[in-house]
Amino acid sequence: MNKLFAGLGLILVLAGLAVSAVGSINFDQWETPAKVVQRESNSWTVAANFTAGENLTVNIVINLSWQIGSFEIPDPGEETPYPYGHIEVYLDVIDPYGNTTKFTYIWMRYPSRGGEYILMKANLTVDQSGSLIDPGIQATGAENPGGMVRHSGLYVANITGISAGASLHYPDDPPSVMELSRTIQVHVQPYSSALPFGVASFIGGAVVSIYGVRLEEGRTGKNRHTRRKGSS
């Protein structure tokens, strides 16, 4: 065996296997960005049709009155994650069969650099599981309520109440915008372009190795023939 060709061939074969393995990596992921399928302005409710297996996300754009309304401020020194106050938004997502997933969506009040207070998304809890799969766990960000759709049909997102301490904004001040967005799972193979190079390297390495073996066999056979002729 010709060691030079055999070594080169082995390197090419191993490199081809490694590159082919990388090129064969594939998985499912949620398509981004999410596509808005329905938008309602100044409304407590938004509805749209979804297909089983899609991911539904509810996006809420707050009303300015929520931000400047009265807030119940905790006593100084009281341990709380919301020292400047917060609001709680109660949201239902209802599937075509009436199964309801209930969320409590917390926005905390926080001072901005300009001295004014703003509302920031702080926490999301699932109070009742309906038919949504993995409710609250979103490909587009866990700060928005939603989940994977189990049944095809019309889904309704409905805010049933909102509170900020002693100030109740429901039903007078609906969100500025309510949206339903959809994402779908897609099969991706991010390094597929490397696969042809891996296959070519593997085949090339195998050819070089075989050539090295045959070359060495040819030389060995020639040397044997020469020795036999000389000995006679």
Protein backbone atom coordinates (compact mmCIF):
# COMPACT_ATOMS: atom_id res chain seq x y z
CA MET A 1 0.00 0.00 0.00
CA ASN A 2 1.31 3.43 -0.93
CA LYS A 3 1.34 5.25 2.41
CA LEU A 4 1.09 8.75 0.89
CA PHE A 5 -2.04 8.01 -1.12
CA ALA A 6 -3.51 5.86 1.64
CA GLY A 7 -3.05 8.63 4.22
CA LEU A 8 -4.45 11.28 1.92
CA GLY A 9 -7.40 9.06 1.07
CA LEU A 10 -8.14 8.36 4.74
CA ILE A 11 -8.09 12.08 5.54
CA LEU A 12 -10.50 12.82 2.69
CA VAL A 13 -12.83 10.00 3.76
CA LEU A 14 -12.93 11.18 7.37
CA ALA A 15 -13.41 14.79 6.32
CA GLY A 16 -16.21 13.72 3.98
CA LEU A 17 -17.97 11.83 6.76
CA ALA A 18 -17.70 14.81 9.12
CA VAL A 19 -18.92 17.34 6.55
CA SER A 20 -21.74 15.02 5.45
CA ALA A 21 -22.85 14.64 9.08
CA VAL A 22 -22.98 18.41 9.49
CA GLY A 23 -24.80 18.84 6.18
CA SER A 24 -27.39 16.27 7.25
CA ILE A 25 -28.39 18.16 10.43
CA ASN A 26 -32.10 18.97 10.27
CA PHE A 27 -34.82 20.02 12.70
CA ASP A 28 -38.20 21.70 12.98
CA GLN A 29 -38.50 25.32 14.10
CA TRP A 30 -41.14 28.02 14.27
CA GLU A 31 -41.13 30.28 11.26
CA THR A 32 -40.35 33.91 12.06
CA PRO A 33 -41.51 36.60 12.03
CA ALA A 34 -45.06 35.85 13.12
CA LYS A 35 -47.76 36.83 10.63
CA VAL A 36 -50.57 39.05 11.89
CA VAL A 37 -53.84 37.48 10.74
CA GLN A 38 -56.32 39.79 12.45
CA ARG A 39 -56.08 43.23 14.08
CA GLU A 40 -58.75 45.17 15.97
CA SER A 41 -58.45 48.77 17.19
CA ASN A 42 -60.07 49.98 20.42
CA SER A 43 -61.60 46.59 21.07
CA TRP A 44 -61.57 44.02 23.88
CA THR A 45 -61.94 41.13 21.42
CA VAL A 46 -60.21 39.80 18.32
CA ALA A 47 -60.97 36.60 16.38
CA ALA A 48 -59.43 34.67 13.48
CA ASN A 49 -59.32 31.21 11.92
CA PHE A 50 -56.38 28.91 12.67
CA THR A 51 -55.35 25.44 11.53
CA ALA A 52 -54.36 22.65 13.93
CA GLY A 53 -50.60 22.67 14.53
CA GLU A 54 -50.17 26.41 14.07
CA ASN A 55 -49.01 28.64 16.89
CA LEU A 56 -51.39 31.39 18.03
CA THR A 57 -50.11 34.53 19.72
CA VAL A 58 -52.11 37.40 21.22
CA ASN A 59 -50.49 40.82 21.12
CA ILE A 60 -51.95 43.69 23.14
CA VAL A 61 -51.05 47.35 22.66
CA ILE A 62 -52.11 49.18 25.82
CA ASN A 63 -54.42 52.14 26.02
CA LEU A 64 -52.71 55.32 27.26
CA SER A 65 -55.29 55.59 30.04
CA TRP A 66 -53.89 52.38 31.56
CA GLN A 67 -50.54 54.06 31.93
CA ILE A 68 -51.76 57.28 33.55
CA GLY A 69 -54.55 55.76 35.65
CA SER A 70 -54.44 55.46 39.44
CA PHE A 71 -52.28 52.71 40.92
CA GLU A 72 -52.13 51.01 44.27
CA ILE A 73 -48.55 51.64 45.44
CA PRO A 74 -47.07 49.17 47.96
CA ASP A 75 -45.95 50.45 51.36
CA PRO A 76 -42.26 51.45 51.59
CA GLY A 77 -40.12 48.45 52.51
CA GLU A 78 -42.75 45.94 51.42
CA GLU A 79 -41.19 43.12 49.41
CA THR A 80 -42.79 43.09 45.98
CA PRO A 81 -41.62 42.68 42.38
CA TYR A 82 -43.75 45.71 41.49
CA PRO A 83 -42.73 48.58 43.84
CA TYR A 84 -44.34 51.23 41.60
CA GLY A 85 -47.59 49.36 41.11
CA HIS A 86 -48.93 47.12 38.35
CA ILE A 87 -52.03 46.20 36.37
CA GLU A 88 -53.51 42.78 35.74
CA VAL A 89 -55.15 41.94 32.43
CA TYR A 90 -57.46 38.91 32.36
CA LEU A 91 -57.51 37.24 28.97
CA ASP A 92 -59.50 34.29 27.61
CA VAL A 93 -58.58 32.39 24.44
CA ILE A 94 -61.57 30.33 23.29
CA ASP A 95 -61.28 27.52 20.72
CA PRO A 96 -64.00 26.46 18.19
CA TYR A 97 -65.50 24.05 20.74
CA GLY A 98 -65.73 26.52 23.58
CA ASN A 99 -62.66 25.30 25.48
CA THR A 100 -61.14 28.29 27.25
CA THR A 101 -57.53 28.99 28.20
CA LYS A 102 -57.37 31.72 30.83
CA PHE A 103 -54.36 33.99 31.32
CA THR A 104 -53.42 36.68 33.80
CA TYR A 105 -51.14 39.17 32.08
CA ILE A 106 -49.23 41.51 34.41
CA TRP A 107 -47.78 44.85 33.33
CA MET A 108 -45.62 46.65 35.87
CA ARG A 109 -45.41 50.40 36.29
CA TYR A 110 -41.85 51.72 36.09
CA PRO A 111 -40.29 55.21 36.08
CA SER A 112 -38.71 56.27 32.81
CA ARG A 113 -35.69 58.54 32.38
CA GLY A 114 -37.94 61.50 31.74
CA GLY A 115 -39.57 61.09 35.13
CA GLU A 116 -42.80 59.72 33.72
CA TYR A 117 -44.10 56.23 34.36
CA ILE A 118 -44.42 53.56 31.70
CA LEU A 119 -45.97 50.11 31.66
CA MET A 120 -43.74 47.14 30.92
CA LYS A 121 -44.68 43.50 30.37
CA ALA A 122 -43.74 41.68 33.56
CA ASN A 123 -45.39 38.29 33.98
CA LEU A 124 -47.78 35.85 32.36
CA THR A 125 -49.56 33.02 34.15
CA VAL A 126 -51.96 30.36 32.89
CA ASP A 127 -54.96 30.21 35.22
CA GLN A 128 -56.91 27.59 33.30
CA SER A 129 -55.78 25.21 30.57
CA GLY A 130 -58.06 24.85 27.59
CA SER A 131 -57.11 23.12 24.36
CA LEU A 132 -53.99 25.18 23.57
CA ILE A 133 -50.81 23.10 23.66
CA ASP A 134 -48.04 24.58 25.84
CA PRO A 135 -50.00 27.77 26.60
CA GLY A 136 -47.76 30.74 27.34
CA ILE A 137 -44.68 29.14 25.73
CA GLN A 138 -44.18 31.08 22.54
CA ALA A 139 -41.72 30.78 19.67
CA THR A 140 -42.08 34.50 19.17
CA GLY A 141 -41.42 35.33 22.82
CA ALA A 142 -42.85 34.12 26.11
CA GLU A 143 -44.05 37.65 26.97
CA ASN A 144 -47.16 37.16 24.84
CA PRO A 145 -50.04 34.79 25.67
CA GLY A 146 -50.95 32.02 23.26
CA GLY A 147 -50.02 28.44 22.40
CA MET A 148 -50.19 25.74 19.74
CA VAL A 149 -53.62 25.24 18.20
CA ARG A 150 -55.10 21.77 18.72
CA HIS A 151 -58.29 22.18 16.65
CA SER A 152 -58.88 23.95 13.34
CA GLY A 153 -61.46 26.73 13.33
CA LEU A 154 -62.27 30.13 14.78
CA TYR A 155 -60.35 31.28 17.86
CA VAL A 156 -61.46 34.25 19.95
CA ALA A 157 -59.18 36.26 22.26
CA ASN A 158 -61.22 38.24 24.74
CA ILE A 159 -60.11 40.49 27.60
CA THR A 160 -62.64 39.91 30.37
CA GLY A 161 -61.31 42.49 32.83
CA ILE A 162 -58.41 44.69 33.84
CA SER A 163 -57.48 46.11 37.22
CA ALA A 164 -54.93 48.57 38.54
CA GLY A 165 -55.43 48.77 42.26
CA ALA A 166 -58.64 50.67 42.93
CA SER A 167 -58.94 51.85 39.32
CA LEU A 168 -60.99 49.65 36.99
CA HIS A 169 -60.65 50.46 33.29
CA TYR A 170 -62.98 47.76 32.02
CA PRO A 171 -65.11 48.22 29.97
CA ASP A 172 -64.51 51.92 29.24
CA ASP A 173 -60.91 51.92 27.97
CA PRO A 174 -60.13 49.00 25.63
CA PRO A 175 -56.61 48.36 24.30
CA SER A 176 -55.43 50.54 21.46
CA VAL A 177 -54.81 47.38 19.43
CA MET A 178 -55.47 43.66 19.81
CA GLU A 179 -53.80 41.29 17.34
CA LEU A 180 -53.83 37.59 16.61
CA SER A 181 -50.64 36.32 14.98
CA ARG A 182 -49.76 32.95 13.50
CA THR A 183 -46.50 31.03 13.16
CA ILE A 184 -46.03 27.61 11.58
CA GLN A 185 -43.40 24.94 12.04
CA VAL A 186 -41.00 24.49 9.13
CA HIS A 187 -38.43 21.78 8.49
CA VAL A 188 -34.97 23.26 8.03
CA GLN A 189 -31.58 21.84 7.06
CA PRO A 190 -29.31 24.84 7.65
CA TYR A 191 -26.06 23.31 6.38
CA SER A 192 -27.45 21.35 3.42
CA SER A 193 -25.08 23.17 1.04
CA ALA A 194 -22.16 21.36 2.72
CA LEU A 195 -23.59 17.91 1.95
CA PRO A 196 -22.36 17.69 -1.71
CA PHE A 197 -18.84 18.63 -0.59
CA GLY A 198 -18.91 15.94 2.08
CA VAL A 199 -20.04 13.29 -0.38
CA ALA A 200 -17.46 14.41 -2.94
CA SER A 201 -14.71 14.31 -0.31
CA PHE A 202 -15.74 10.83 0.81
CA ILE A 203 -15.85 9.45 -2.74
CA GLY A 204 -12.58 11.19 -3.64
CA GLY A 205 -10.89 9.79 -0.56
CA ALA A 206 -12.09 6.28 -1.35
CA VAL A 207 -10.81 6.59 -4.94
CA VAL A 208 -7.41 7.87 -3.78
CA SER A 209 -7.10 5.05 -1.25
CA ILE A 210 -8.00 2.41 -3.84
CA TYR A 211 -5.52 3.95 -6.27
CA GLY A 212 -2.83 3.83 -3.60
CA VAL A 213 -3.51 0.15 -2.91
CA ARG A 214 -3.43 -0.77 -6.60
CA LEU A 215 -0.32 1.30 -7.19
CA GLU A 216 1.48 -0.51 -4.42
CA GLU A 217 0.24 -3.89 -5.66
CA GLY A 218 1.49 -3.07 -9.14
CA ARG A 219 4.92 -2.17 -7.84
CA THR A 220 5.08 -5.31 -5.71
CA GLY A 221 4.09 -7.50 -8.66
CA LYS A 222 6.70 -5.84 -10.87
CA ASN A 223 9.43 -6.35 -8.27
CA ARG A 224 8.50 -10.02 -7.90
CA HIS A 225 8.58 -10.51 -11.67
CA THR A 226 12.02 -8.86 -11.86
CA ARG A 227 13.43 -11.05 -9.08
CA ARG A 228 12.12 -14.23 -10.71
CA LYS A 229 13.62 -13.29 -14.08
CA GLY A 230 17.00 -12.53 -12.52
CA SER A 231 17.07 -15.74 -10.52
CA SER A 232 16.51 -17.90 -13.59
